[in-house]
Amino acid sequence: YELNQEFPLAPGAPCLPEAGKPLAELDGPDVILETVKAADDGSGDLVFRLYEASGGRRTCRLRPGFPWEEARATDMLERNGTPLADEEGTLELDFRPFEIKTVRFRL
């Protein structure tokens, strides 16, 4: 999936990547970044939803193309987040077959 129009988060939100740069990069071909949206609670956080599409165990690296302060693995309702380790702006995510993950970024 490609984002081909501006993504409005909140008025004046400075988190979008520069023109021509991707919103995020994934190194795993069997992991799909399916959803990018503002958090439901109106906090200004950005939520990514990803899933493993081929039925195997995978590890992928996710590199957001915008500045962020903290990333948390949350449930599908974007609650109860567990901090994710940041390795120089990259998150390493482990997937079980067909697993869905929700990652919430505090900007």
PDB file of N, CA and C in Angstrom:
ATOM      1  N   TYR A   1       0.840  -1.176   0.000  1.00  0.00           N
ATOM      2  CA  TYR A   1       0.000   0.000   0.000  1.00  0.00           C
ATOM      3  C   TYR A   1       0.882   1.235   0.000  1.00  0.00           C
ATOM      4  N   GLU A   2       0.467   2.232  -0.723  1.00  0.00           N
ATOM      5  CA  GLU A   2       1.228   3.475  -0.750  1.00  0.00           C
ATOM      6  C   GLU A   2       0.309   4.622  -0.382  1.00  0.00           C
ATOM      7  N   LEU A   3       0.850   5.570   0.367  1.00  0.00           N
ATOM      8  CA  LEU A   3       0.107   6.759   0.733  1.00  0.00           C
ATOM      9  C   LEU A   3       0.328   7.776  -0.367  1.00  0.00           C
ATOM     10  N   ASN A   4      -0.720   8.186  -1.078  1.00  0.00           N
ATOM     11  CA  ASN A   4      -0.521   9.063  -2.219  1.00  0.00           C
ATOM     12  C   ASN A   4      -1.214  10.406  -2.082  1.00  0.00           C
ATOM     13  N   GLN A   5      -1.534  10.792  -0.874  1.00  0.00           N
ATOM     14  CA  GLN A   5      -2.048  12.127  -0.621  1.00  0.00           C
ATOM     15  C   GLN A   5      -1.638  12.537   0.776  1.00  0.00           C
ATOM     16  N   GLU A   6      -1.805  13.818   1.092  1.00  0.00           N
ATOM     17  CA  GLU A   6      -1.402  14.277   2.424  1.00  0.00           C
ATOM     18  C   GLU A   6      -2.179  13.540   3.496  1.00  0.00           C
ATOM     19  N   PHE A   7      -1.547  13.338   4.635  1.00  0.00           N
ATOM     20  CA  PHE A   7      -2.159  12.637   5.754  1.00  0.00           C
ATOM     21  C   PHE A   7      -2.376  13.635   6.885  1.00  0.00           C
ATOM     22  N   PRO A   8      -3.594  14.152   7.058  1.00  0.00           N
ATOM     23  CA  PRO A   8      -3.826  15.156   8.096  1.00  0.00           C
ATOM     24  C   PRO A   8      -3.939  14.518   9.474  1.00  0.00           C
ATOM     25  N   LEU A   9      -3.052  14.868  10.361  1.00  0.00           N
ATOM     26  CA  LEU A   9      -3.121  14.357  11.732  1.00  0.00           C
ATOM     27  C   LEU A   9      -3.868  15.342  12.609  1.00  0.00           C
ATOM     28  N   ALA A  10      -3.308  16.505  12.720  1.00  0.00           N
ATOM     29  CA  ALA A  10      -3.881  17.572  13.526  1.00  0.00           C
ATOM     30  C   ALA A  10      -3.344  18.870  12.960  1.00  0.00           C
ATOM     31  N   PRO A  11      -4.046  19.965  13.146  1.00  0.00           N
ATOM     32  CA  PRO A  11      -3.544  21.233  12.622  1.00  0.00           C
ATOM     33  C   PRO A  11      -2.135  21.520  13.115  1.00  0.00           C
ATOM     34  N   GLY A  12      -1.236  21.760  12.183  1.00  0.00           N
ATOM     35  CA  GLY A  12       0.136  22.110  12.541  1.00  0.00           C
ATOM     36  C   GLY A  12       1.003  20.947  12.940  1.00  0.00           C
ATOM     37  N   ALA A  13       0.546  19.722  12.797  1.00  0.00           N
ATOM     38  CA  ALA A  13       1.349  18.552  13.182  1.00  0.00           C
ATOM     39  C   ALA A  13       2.588  18.457  12.295  1.00  0.00           C
ATOM     40  N   PRO A  14       3.789  18.516  12.872  1.00  0.00           N
ATOM     41  CA  PRO A  14       5.027  18.536  12.082  1.00  0.00           C
ATOM     42  C   PRO A  14       5.649  17.168  11.873  1.00  0.00           C
ATOM     43  N   CYS A  15       4.870  16.101  11.908  1.00  0.00           N
ATOM     44  CA  CYS A  15       5.470  14.772  11.933  1.00  0.00           C
ATOM     45  C   CYS A  15       5.574  14.106  10.569  1.00  0.00           C
ATOM     46  N   LEU A  16       5.035  14.685   9.523  1.00  0.00           N
ATOM     47  CA  LEU A  16       5.062  14.021   8.231  1.00  0.00           C
ATOM     48  C   LEU A  16       6.449  14.069   7.617  1.00  0.00           C
ATOM     49  N   PRO A  17       6.811  13.059   6.838  1.00  0.00           N
ATOM     50  CA  PRO A  17       8.123  13.057   6.195  1.00  0.00           C
ATOM     51  C   PRO A  17       8.180  14.101   5.092  1.00  0.00           C
ATOM     52  N   GLU A  18       9.390  14.417   4.691  1.00  0.00           N
ATOM     53  CA  GLU A  18       9.575  15.350   3.589  1.00  0.00           C
ATOM     54  C   GLU A  18       9.006  14.747   2.311  1.00  0.00           C
ATOM     55  N   ALA A  19       8.648  15.619   1.369  1.00  0.00           N
ATOM     56  CA  ALA A  19       8.100  15.161   0.099  1.00  0.00           C
ATOM     57  C   ALA A  19       9.063  14.187  -0.564  1.00  0.00           C
ATOM     58  N   GLY A  20       8.541  13.107  -1.085  1.00  0.00           N
ATOM     59  CA  GLY A  20       9.353  12.107  -1.770  1.00  0.00           C
ATOM     60  C   GLY A  20       9.936  11.048  -0.865  1.00  0.00           C
ATOM     61  N   LYS A  21       9.823  11.220   0.457  1.00  0.00           N
ATOM     62  CA  LYS A  21      10.322  10.204   1.394  1.00  0.00           C
ATOM     63  C   LYS A  21       9.147   9.357   1.876  1.00  0.00           C
ATOM     64  N   PRO A  22       9.382   8.074   2.144  1.00  0.00           N
ATOM     65  CA  PRO A  22       8.271   7.213   2.588  1.00  0.00           C
ATOM     66  C   PRO A  22       7.834   7.526   4.008  1.00  0.00           C
ATOM     67  N   LEU A  23       6.578   7.256   4.295  1.00  0.00           N
ATOM     68  CA  LEU A  23       6.051   7.418   5.644  1.00  0.00           C
ATOM     69  C   LEU A  23       6.711   6.409   6.578  1.00  0.00           C
ATOM     70  N   ALA A  24       7.034   5.229   6.042  1.00  0.00           N
ATOM     71  CA  ALA A  24       7.716   4.197   6.822  1.00  0.00           C
ATOM     72  C   ALA A  24       8.375   3.215   5.859  1.00  0.00           C
ATOM     73  N   GLU A  25       9.409   2.536   6.348  1.00  0.00           N
ATOM     74  CA  GLU A  25      10.070   1.483   5.583  1.00  0.00           C
ATOM     75  C   GLU A  25       9.999   0.190   6.377  1.00  0.00           C
ATOM     76  N   LEU A  26       9.687  -0.901   5.688  1.00  0.00           N
ATOM     77  CA  LEU A  26       9.649  -2.247   6.269  1.00  0.00           C
ATOM     78  C   LEU A  26      10.617  -3.119   5.496  1.00  0.00           C
ATOM     79  N   ASP A  27      11.389  -3.950   6.196  1.00  0.00           N
ATOM     80  CA  ASP A  27      12.322  -4.825   5.478  1.00  0.00           C
ATOM     81  C   ASP A  27      11.779  -6.236   5.286  1.00  0.00           C
ATOM     82  N   GLY A  28      10.569  -6.513   5.764  1.00  0.00           N
ATOM     83  CA  GLY A  28      10.000  -7.849   5.620  1.00  0.00           C
ATOM     84  C   GLY A  28       8.935  -7.887   4.538  1.00  0.00           C
ATOM     85  N   PRO A  29       9.141  -8.645   3.455  1.00  0.00           N
ATOM     86  CA  PRO A  29       8.171  -8.661   2.362  1.00  0.00           C
ATOM     87  C   PRO A  29       6.838  -9.313   2.729  1.00  0.00           C
ATOM     88  N   ASP A  30       6.795 -10.118   3.759  1.00  0.00           N
ATOM     89  CA  ASP A  30       5.560 -10.796   4.139  1.00  0.00           C
ATOM     90  C   ASP A  30       4.812 -10.083   5.261  1.00  0.00           C
ATOM     91  N   VAL A  31       5.291  -8.903   5.650  1.00  0.00           N
ATOM     92  CA  VAL A  31       4.612  -8.088   6.652  1.00  0.00           C
ATOM     93  C   VAL A  31       4.057  -6.867   5.935  1.00  0.00           C
ATOM     94  N   ILE A  32       2.757  -6.618   6.132  1.00  0.00           N
ATOM     95  CA  ILE A  32       2.055  -5.540   5.450  1.00  0.00           C
ATOM     96  C   ILE A  32       1.696  -4.447   6.448  1.00  0.00           C
ATOM     97  N   LEU A  33       2.051  -3.220   6.125  1.00  0.00           N
ATOM     98  CA  LEU A  33       1.596  -2.063   6.893  1.00  0.00           C
ATOM     99  C   LEU A  33       0.236  -1.699   6.303  1.00  0.00           C
ATOM    100  N   GLU A  34      -0.827  -2.090   7.012  1.00  0.00           N
ATOM    101  CA  GLU A  34      -2.173  -2.015   6.469  1.00  0.00           C
ATOM    102  C   GLU A  34      -2.874  -0.711   6.823  1.00  0.00           C
ATOM    103  N   THR A  35      -2.617  -0.178   8.002  1.00  0.00           N
ATOM    104  CA  THR A  35      -3.330   1.009   8.466  1.00  0.00           C
ATOM    105  C   THR A  35      -2.353   2.007   9.052  1.00  0.00           C
ATOM    106  N   VAL A  36      -2.552   3.271   8.706  1.00  0.00           N
ATOM    107  CA  VAL A  36      -1.846   4.392   9.331  1.00  0.00           C
ATOM    108  C   VAL A  36      -2.933   5.400   9.668  1.00  0.00           C
ATOM    109  N   LYS A  37      -3.046   5.744  10.958  1.00  0.00           N
ATOM    110  CA  LYS A  37      -4.134   6.631  11.357  1.00  0.00           C
ATOM    111  C   LYS A  37      -3.776   7.376  12.629  1.00  0.00           C
ATOM    112  N   ALA A  38      -4.534   8.432  12.889  1.00  0.00           N
ATOM    113  CA  ALA A  38      -4.407   9.140  14.154  1.00  0.00           C
ATOM    114  C   ALA A  38      -5.055   8.289  15.242  1.00  0.00           C
ATOM    115  N   ALA A  39      -4.511   8.350  16.455  1.00  0.00           N
ATOM    116  CA  ALA A  39      -5.071   7.592  17.578  1.00  0.00           C
ATOM    117  C   ALA A  39      -6.506   8.052  17.848  1.00  0.00           C
ATOM    118  N   ASP A  40      -7.350   7.105  18.235  1.00  0.00           N
ATOM    119  CA  ASP A  40      -8.766   7.390  18.474  1.00  0.00           C
ATOM    120  C   ASP A  40      -9.013   8.344  19.631  1.00  0.00           C
ATOM    121  N   ASP A  41      -8.072   8.436  20.577  1.00  0.00           N
ATOM    122  CA  ASP A  41      -8.307   9.261  21.760  1.00  0.00           C
ATOM    123  C   ASP A  41      -8.013  10.746  21.541  1.00  0.00           C
ATOM    124  N   GLY A  42      -7.615  11.135  20.326  1.00  0.00           N
ATOM    125  CA  GLY A  42      -7.368  12.548  20.038  1.00  0.00           C
ATOM    126  C   GLY A  42      -6.068  13.093  20.592  1.00  0.00           C
ATOM    127  N   SER A  43      -5.173  12.222  21.011  1.00  0.00           N
ATOM    128  CA  SER A  43      -3.913  12.632  21.635  1.00  0.00           C
ATOM    129  C   SER A  43      -2.906  13.193  20.632  1.00  0.00           C
ATOM    130  N   GLY A  44      -3.119  12.934  19.343  1.00  0.00           N
ATOM    131  CA  GLY A  44      -2.133  13.320  18.339  1.00  0.00           C
ATOM    132  C   GLY A  44      -1.134  12.219  18.056  1.00  0.00           C
ATOM    133  N   ASP A  45      -1.243  11.083  18.769  1.00  0.00           N
ATOM    134  CA  ASP A  45      -0.378   9.943  18.495  1.00  0.00           C
ATOM    135  C   ASP A  45      -0.738   9.358  17.130  1.00  0.00           C
ATOM    136  N   LEU A  46       0.228   8.661  16.550  1.00  0.00           N
ATOM    137  CA  LEU A  46       0.031   8.030  15.255  1.00  0.00           C
ATOM    138  C   LEU A  46       0.032   6.515  15.456  1.00  0.00           C
ATOM    139  N   VAL A  47      -0.906   5.812  14.830  1.00  0.00           N
ATOM    140  CA  VAL A  47      -1.062   4.369  15.012  1.00  0.00           C
ATOM    141  C   VAL A  47      -0.810   3.659  13.679  1.00  0.00           C
ATOM    142  N   PHE A  48       0.040   2.639  13.745  1.00  0.00           N
ATOM    143  CA  PHE A  48       0.287   1.761  12.596  1.00  0.00           C
ATOM    144  C   PHE A  48      -0.290   0.400  12.940  1.00  0.00           C
ATOM    145  N   ARG A  49      -0.965  -0.233  11.986  1.00  0.00           N
ATOM    146  CA  ARG A  49      -1.414  -1.601  12.159  1.00  0.00           C
ATOM    147  C   ARG A  49      -0.762  -2.436  11.064  1.00  0.00           C
ATOM    148  N   LEU A  50      -0.081  -3.513  11.463  1.00  0.00           N
ATOM    149  CA  LEU A  50       0.654  -4.369  10.532  1.00  0.00           C
ATOM    150  C   LEU A  50       0.192  -5.811  10.727  1.00  0.00           C
ATOM    151  N   TYR A  51       0.377  -6.630   9.687  1.00  0.00           N
ATOM    152  CA  TYR A  51       0.067  -8.049   9.841  1.00  0.00           C
ATOM    153  C   TYR A  51       1.015  -8.901   9.016  1.00  0.00           C
ATOM    154  N   GLU A  52       1.198 -10.136   9.460  1.00  0.00           N
ATOM    155  CA  GLU A  52       2.007 -11.121   8.740  1.00  0.00           C
ATOM    156  C   GLU A  52       1.070 -11.822   7.770  1.00  0.00           C
ATOM    157  N   ALA A  53       1.398 -11.798   6.467  1.00  0.00           N
ATOM    158  CA  ALA A  53       0.454 -12.192   5.430  1.00  0.00           C
ATOM    159  C   ALA A  53       0.657 -13.588   4.844  1.00  0.00           C
ATOM    160  N   SER A  54       1.756 -14.264   5.138  1.00  0.00           N
ATOM    161  CA  SER A  54       2.012 -15.532   4.437  1.00  0.00           C
ATOM    162  C   SER A  54       1.894 -16.773   5.313  1.00  0.00           C
ATOM    163  N   GLY A  55       1.596 -16.612   6.583  1.00  0.00           N
ATOM    164  CA  GLY A  55       1.426 -17.772   7.447  1.00  0.00           C
ATOM    165  C   GLY A  55       2.705 -18.312   8.046  1.00  0.00           C
ATOM    166  N   GLY A  56       3.733 -17.494   8.157  1.00  0.00           N
ATOM    167  CA  GLY A  56       4.995 -17.930   8.750  1.00  0.00           C
ATOM    168  C   GLY A  56       5.410 -17.034   9.899  1.00  0.00           C
ATOM    169  N   ARG A  57       6.441 -17.466  10.580  1.00  0.00           N
ATOM    170  CA  ARG A  57       7.022 -16.612  11.631  1.00  0.00           C
ATOM    171  C   ARG A  57       8.000 -15.661  10.961  1.00  0.00           C
ATOM    172  N   ARG A  58       7.936 -14.396  11.323  1.00  0.00           N
ATOM    173  CA  ARG A  58       8.763 -13.374  10.686  1.00  0.00           C
ATOM    174  C   ARG A  58       9.291 -12.394  11.724  1.00  0.00           C
ATOM    175  N   THR A  59      10.441 -11.853  11.427  1.00  0.00           N
ATOM    176  CA  THR A  59      10.968 -10.700  12.133  1.00  0.00           C
ATOM    177  C   THR A  59      11.168  -9.630  11.077  1.00  0.00           C
ATOM    178  N   CYS A  60      10.670  -8.448  11.337  1.00  0.00           N
ATOM    179  CA  CYS A  60      10.890  -7.360  10.391  1.00  0.00           C
ATOM    180  C   CYS A  60      11.333  -6.124  11.144  1.00  0.00           C
ATOM    181  N   ARG A  61      11.936  -5.234  10.414  1.00  0.00           N
ATOM    182  CA  ARG A  61      12.360  -3.955  10.976  1.00  0.00           C
ATOM    183  C   ARG A  61      11.497  -2.861  10.382  1.00  0.00           C
ATOM    184  N   LEU A  62      10.957  -2.021  11.258  1.00  0.00           N
ATOM    185  CA  LEU A  62      10.102  -0.907  10.870  1.00  0.00           C
ATOM    186  C   LEU A  62      10.847   0.380  11.172  1.00  0.00           C
ATOM    187  N   ARG A  63      11.027   1.210  10.138  1.00  0.00           N
ATOM    188  CA  ARG A  63      11.694   2.500  10.315  1.00  0.00           C
ATOM    189  C   ARG A  63      10.719   3.600   9.881  1.00  0.00           C
ATOM    190  N   PRO A  64      10.097   4.302  10.857  1.00  0.00           N
ATOM    191  CA  PRO A  64       9.217   5.405  10.511  1.00  0.00           C
ATOM    192  C   PRO A  64      10.003   6.541   9.850  1.00  0.00           C
ATOM    193  N   GLY A  65       9.351   7.237   8.932  1.00  0.00           N
ATOM    194  CA  GLY A  65       9.990   8.334   8.214  1.00  0.00           C
ATOM    195  C   GLY A  65       9.682   9.684   8.822  1.00  0.00           C
ATOM    196  N   PHE A  66       9.359   9.721  10.102  1.00  0.00           N
ATOM    197  CA  PHE A  66       9.011  10.964  10.792  1.00  0.00           C
ATOM    198  C   PHE A  66       9.612  10.913  12.196  1.00  0.00           C
ATOM    199  N   PRO A  67       9.795  12.073  12.833  1.00  0.00           N
ATOM    200  CA  PRO A  67      10.338  12.077  14.196  1.00  0.00           C
ATOM    201  C   PRO A  67       9.285  11.599  15.208  1.00  0.00           C
ATOM    202  N   TRP A  68       9.712  10.780  16.161  1.00  0.00           N
ATOM    203  CA  TRP A  68       8.820  10.273  17.196  1.00  0.00           C
ATOM    204  C   TRP A  68       9.584  10.142  18.498  1.00  0.00           C
ATOM    205  N   GLU A  69       8.844  10.225  19.608  1.00  0.00           N
ATOM    206  CA  GLU A  69       9.461  10.158  20.936  1.00  0.00           C
ATOM    207  C   GLU A  69       9.440   8.761  21.528  1.00  0.00           C
ATOM    208  N   GLU A  70       8.329   8.040  21.331  1.00  0.00           N
ATOM    209  CA  GLU A  70       8.176   6.727  21.945  1.00  0.00           C
ATOM    210  C   GLU A  70       7.265   5.864  21.076  1.00  0.00           C
ATOM    211  N   ALA A  71       7.546   4.564  21.049  1.00  0.00           N
ATOM    212  CA  ALA A  71       6.693   3.602  20.349  1.00  0.00           C
ATOM    213  C   ALA A  71       6.247   2.546  21.355  1.00  0.00           C
ATOM    214  N   ARG A  72       4.968   2.170  21.257  1.00  0.00           N
ATOM    215  CA  ARG A  72       4.409   1.156  22.146  1.00  0.00           C
ATOM    216  C   ARG A  72       3.614   0.142  21.336  1.00  0.00           C
ATOM    217  N   ALA A  73       3.741  -1.127  21.713  1.00  0.00           N
ATOM    218  CA  ALA A  73       2.888  -2.181  21.161  1.00  0.00           C
ATOM    219  C   ALA A  73       1.617  -2.159  21.990  1.00  0.00           C
ATOM    220  N   THR A  74       0.467  -1.985  21.330  1.00  0.00           N
ATOM    221  CA  THR A  74      -0.800  -1.884  22.048  1.00  0.00           C
ATOM    222  C   THR A  74      -1.752  -2.987  21.597  1.00  0.00           C
ATOM    223  N   ASP A  75      -2.907  -3.047  22.257  1.00  0.00           N
ATOM    224  CA  ASP A  75      -3.957  -3.952  21.789  1.00  0.00           C
ATOM    225  C   ASP A  75      -4.672  -3.284  20.616  1.00  0.00           C
ATOM    226  N   MET A  76      -5.652  -3.941  20.036  1.00  0.00           N
ATOM    227  CA  MET A  76      -6.351  -3.411  18.857  1.00  0.00           C
ATOM    228  C   MET A  76      -7.128  -2.131  19.160  1.00  0.00           C
ATOM    229  N   LEU A  77      -7.426  -1.889  20.436  1.00  0.00           N
ATOM    230  CA  LEU A  77      -8.135  -0.673  20.818  1.00  0.00           C
ATOM    231  C   LEU A  77      -7.162   0.439  21.219  1.00  0.00           C
ATOM    232  N   GLU A  78      -5.877   0.218  20.943  1.00  0.00           N
ATOM    233  CA  GLU A  78      -4.810   1.204  21.177  1.00  0.00           C
ATOM    234  C   GLU A  78      -4.593   1.498  22.658  1.00  0.00           C
ATOM    235  N   ARG A  79      -4.818   0.499  23.518  1.00  0.00           N
ATOM    236  CA  ARG A  79      -4.639   0.657  24.959  1.00  0.00           C
ATOM    237  C   ARG A  79      -3.540  -0.268  25.462  1.00  0.00           C
ATOM    238  N   ASN A  80      -3.138  -0.043  26.708  1.00  0.00           N
ATOM    239  CA  ASN A  80      -2.228  -0.936  27.429  1.00  0.00           C
ATOM    240  C   ASN A  80      -0.918  -1.168  26.678  1.00  0.00           C
ATOM    241  N   GLY A  81      -0.266  -0.109  26.296  1.00  0.00           N
ATOM    242  CA  GLY A  81       0.947  -0.224  25.504  1.00  0.00           C
ATOM    243  C   GLY A  81       2.157  -0.706  26.277  1.00  0.00           C
ATOM    244  N   THR A  82       2.967  -1.504  25.596  1.00  0.00           N
ATOM    245  CA  THR A  82       4.251  -1.971  26.104  1.00  0.00           C
ATOM    246  C   THR A  82       5.332  -1.270  25.293  1.00  0.00           C
ATOM    247  N   PRO A  83       6.275  -0.561  25.953  1.00  0.00           N
ATOM    248  CA  PRO A  83       7.315   0.140  25.191  1.00  0.00           C
ATOM    249  C   PRO A  83       8.111  -0.811  24.298  1.00  0.00           C
ATOM    250  N   LEU A  84       8.397  -0.351  23.097  1.00  0.00           N
ATOM    251  CA  LEU A  84       9.217  -1.105  22.154  1.00  0.00           C
ATOM    252  C   LEU A  84      10.621  -0.524  22.137  1.00  0.00           C
ATOM    253  N   ALA A  85      11.612  -1.389  22.050  1.00  0.00           N
ATOM    254  CA  ALA A  85      13.009  -0.952  22.026  1.00  0.00           C
ATOM    255  C   ALA A  85      13.300  -0.263  20.701  1.00  0.00           C
ATOM    256  N   ASP A  86      13.963   0.852  20.794  1.00  0.00           N
ATOM    257  CA  ASP A  86      14.329   1.647  19.612  1.00  0.00           C
ATOM    258  C   ASP A  86      15.809   1.452  19.344  1.00  0.00           C
ATOM    259  N   GLU A  87      16.124   0.966  18.151  1.00  0.00           N
ATOM    260  CA  GLU A  87      17.523   0.801  17.753  1.00  0.00           C
ATOM    261  C   GLU A  87      17.821   1.809  16.657  1.00  0.00           C
ATOM    262  N   GLU A  88      18.241   3.016  17.063  1.00  0.00           N
ATOM    263  CA  GLU A  88      18.586   4.084  16.122  1.00  0.00           C
ATOM    264  C   GLU A  88      17.442   4.388  15.167  1.00  0.00           C
ATOM    265  N   GLY A  89      16.234   4.581  15.697  1.00  0.00           N
ATOM    266  CA  GLY A  89      15.087   4.939  14.882  1.00  0.00           C
ATOM    267  C   GLY A  89      14.383   3.773  14.222  1.00  0.00           C
ATOM    268  N   THR A  90      14.789   2.541  14.550  1.00  0.00           N
ATOM    269  CA  THR A  90      14.199   1.347  13.947  1.00  0.00           C
ATOM    270  C   THR A  90      13.618   0.447  15.035  1.00  0.00           C
ATOM    271  N   LEU A  91      12.462  -0.127  14.756  1.00  0.00           N
ATOM    272  CA  LEU A  91      11.838  -1.084  15.665  1.00  0.00           C
ATOM    273  C   LEU A  91      11.920  -2.478  15.061  1.00  0.00           C
ATOM    274  N   GLU A  92      12.292  -3.457  15.872  1.00  0.00           N
ATOM    275  CA  GLU A  92      12.307  -4.846  15.420  1.00  0.00           C
ATOM    276  C   GLU A  92      11.053  -5.524  15.955  1.00  0.00           C
ATOM    277  N   LEU A  93      10.261  -6.086  15.049  1.00  0.00           N
ATOM    278  CA  LEU A  93       8.983  -6.697  15.413  1.00  0.00           C
ATOM    279  C   LEU A  93       8.972  -8.172  15.024  1.00  0.00           C
ATOM    280  N   ASP A  94       8.580  -9.039  15.954  1.00  0.00           N
ATOM    281  CA  ASP A  94       8.454 -10.471  15.704  1.00  0.00           C
ATOM    282  C   ASP A  94       6.986 -10.812  15.512  1.00  0.00           C
ATOM    283  N   PHE A  95       6.676 -11.566  14.455  1.00  0.00           N
ATOM    284  CA  PHE A  95       5.310 -11.934  14.119  1.00  0.00           C
ATOM    285  C   PHE A  95       5.139 -13.441  14.118  1.00  0.00           C
ATOM    286  N   ARG A  96       4.015 -13.905  14.650  1.00  0.00           N
ATOM    287  CA  ARG A  96       3.575 -15.286  14.486  1.00  0.00           C
ATOM    288  C   ARG A  96       2.769 -15.353  13.188  1.00  0.00           C
ATOM    289  N   PRO A  97       2.431 -16.545  12.705  1.00  0.00           N
ATOM    290  CA  PRO A  97       1.642 -16.638  11.470  1.00  0.00           C
ATOM    291  C   PRO A  97       0.336 -15.840  11.550  1.00  0.00           C
ATOM    292  N   PHE A  98       0.134 -14.962  10.584  1.00  0.00           N
ATOM    293  CA  PHE A  98      -1.065 -14.137  10.429  1.00  0.00           C
ATOM    294  C   PHE A  98      -1.329 -13.193  11.603  1.00  0.00           C
ATOM    295  N   GLU A  99      -0.341 -12.947  12.424  1.00  0.00           N
ATOM    296  CA  GLU A  99      -0.518 -12.057  13.579  1.00  0.00           C
ATOM    297  C   GLU A  99      -0.703 -10.616  13.129  1.00  0.00           C
ATOM    298  N   ILE A 100      -1.555  -9.894  13.857  1.00  0.00           N
ATOM    299  CA  ILE A 100      -1.773  -8.466  13.660  1.00  0.00           C
ATOM    300  C   ILE A 100      -1.107  -7.746  14.824  1.00  0.00           C
ATOM    301  N   LYS A 101      -0.359  -6.690  14.523  1.00  0.00           N
ATOM    302  CA  LYS A 101       0.269  -5.883  15.565  1.00  0.00           C
ATOM    303  C   LYS A 101      -0.179  -4.439  15.403  1.00  0.00           C
ATOM    304  N   THR A 102      -0.366  -3.766  16.531  1.00  0.00           N
ATOM    305  CA  THR A 102      -0.684  -2.342  16.544  1.00  0.00           C
ATOM    306  C   THR A 102       0.462  -1.643  17.256  1.00  0.00           C
ATOM    307  N   VAL A 103       1.035  -0.654  16.584  1.00  0.00           N
ATOM    308  CA  VAL A 103       2.144   0.130  17.156  1.00  0.00           C
ATOM    309  C   VAL A 103       1.686   1.581  17.227  1.00  0.00           C
ATOM    310  N   ARG A 104       1.827   2.152  18.410  1.00  0.00           N
ATOM    311  CA  ARG A 104       1.392   3.535  18.658  1.00  0.00           C
ATOM    312  C   ARG A 104       2.628   4.397  18.883  1.00  0.00           C
ATOM    313  N   PHE A 105       2.730   5.475  18.104  1.00  0.00           N
ATOM    314  CA  PHE A 105       3.866   6.389  18.199  1.00  0.00           C
ATOM    315  C   PHE A 105       3.437   7.681  18.876  1.00  0.00           C
ATOM    316  N   ARG A 106       4.151   8.025  19.948  1.00  0.00           N
ATOM    317  CA  ARG A 106       3.968   9.352  20.554  1.00  0.00           C
ATOM    318  C   ARG A 106       4.904  10.298  19.833  1.00  0.00           C
ATOM    319  N   LEU A 107       4.367  11.369  19.308  1.00  0.00           N
ATOM    320  CA  LEU A 107       5.148  12.297  18.482  1.00  0.00           C
ATOM    321  C   LEU A 107       5.721  13.433  19.303  1.00  0.00           C
TER     322      LEU A 107
END
